[in-house]
Every structure is written in structure tokens, then in C-alpha cells.
Amino acid sequence: MGAVRLALVIFLPASLLRAQVPDVGQAGRLSAAAAPVQGDAGLAQKAYAIAEEAVREKQVPRKAREDLVRYVLPALRARCVAIINVSESDIPGSAAVYDDELDAVKTPGIDLKDPDSRAKTLHELMHVAQDGAKRGQMREDSEQDAYAVQVEYLMRGKGILREEEDG
């Protein structure tokens, strides 16, 4: 018996393919050449798949979708932001963290089958977007926005909330 191989195929709308690396990349914040660390390519692919699906399936609020398209998806495609596999002891008290100095999400893993893992990943990717947009938010505001996206993603996944035609 031979091994069975599975492939993940993602179909992207043309508008996403035309998106450019964020303007902040020109300042070195998210430029591939300035990326201080290399992350885990498999985790980066999973993060990309989660973000792309959240946009395509309208699983997060409109503003979050716009941020994912404008900042996160281009940065992940260009490898300007790293997804680093760490042990839970490396990030005590957190499920994952975004390091704005390294332009890296540190996570003990991403389980595509687990809604909480996908939501955690979206939470951290919203910090990538906040950094890319240079919002300069206070930590409390930054976390409030990221948790709102995380919770709404879970609620939409359970059918508690759904997208109306105008958002």
C-alpha cells in the first residue's frame, strides 16, 4: 500500500493577488529584506489559509477583512512576517504572541481543525495588521480590537452571528 498525500489548494480572488506589501514595508517594518527571523513555513501557510478563508467566507467583521487583505495577506505572502513555533513555556500566560520587534507571531502551533486555534491565530494576525497600519494603539485598545475579532469569528462559526449584506 502506498502513502496517501493530501494537498491544500487555496483559490484567491484576483483582488488579493494584486495587493501590495504594506507601505510600512518600505520603512523596513515588514519588508522581506529586513525580516530579522525566519519562521516555520508550514505554520505560515496555515496562518495564510486561516486569514484568506476568514476574508472569503466573511468570518470576521468588514474592517478586519480589509486589514487582512491590505496588511496581513501580503506580508505573509512576501514572508515579511514570520510565524515561529515555540513551546508554551516560551510564552507563559499566553496562547500566542505577536512580537512587533521581530515582526513575528510566536505560537506553540496552529491546528486547522480547532476553531479556538484558528481564532487565536486571527487574534495575533490582527496585531500584525495593527502594526502594519501603524495605528500606535495602547496595548489595552490593541488587545480589545484583537479579542473582538477573535470572539466574533467564533460566534460566526457557531452560527450565533452572521454577515448581513452591508456588514
Foldseek 3Di string as FASTA:
>chain_A
DDDDDDDDDDDADPLLVPAAAFPVVVVVQQPLVNQPDAADLVQLVLLLVLLRCCLVQVLFDPVLNVLCSHHPNNSSVRVSAHEHADDCVVPDPDQWAQDSVNNYIYHNGADSVDLLSSLSSSLRSLVRSCSSVVVVDDPVVSNVVSVNRSVSSVCVVVVNDDDDPVD
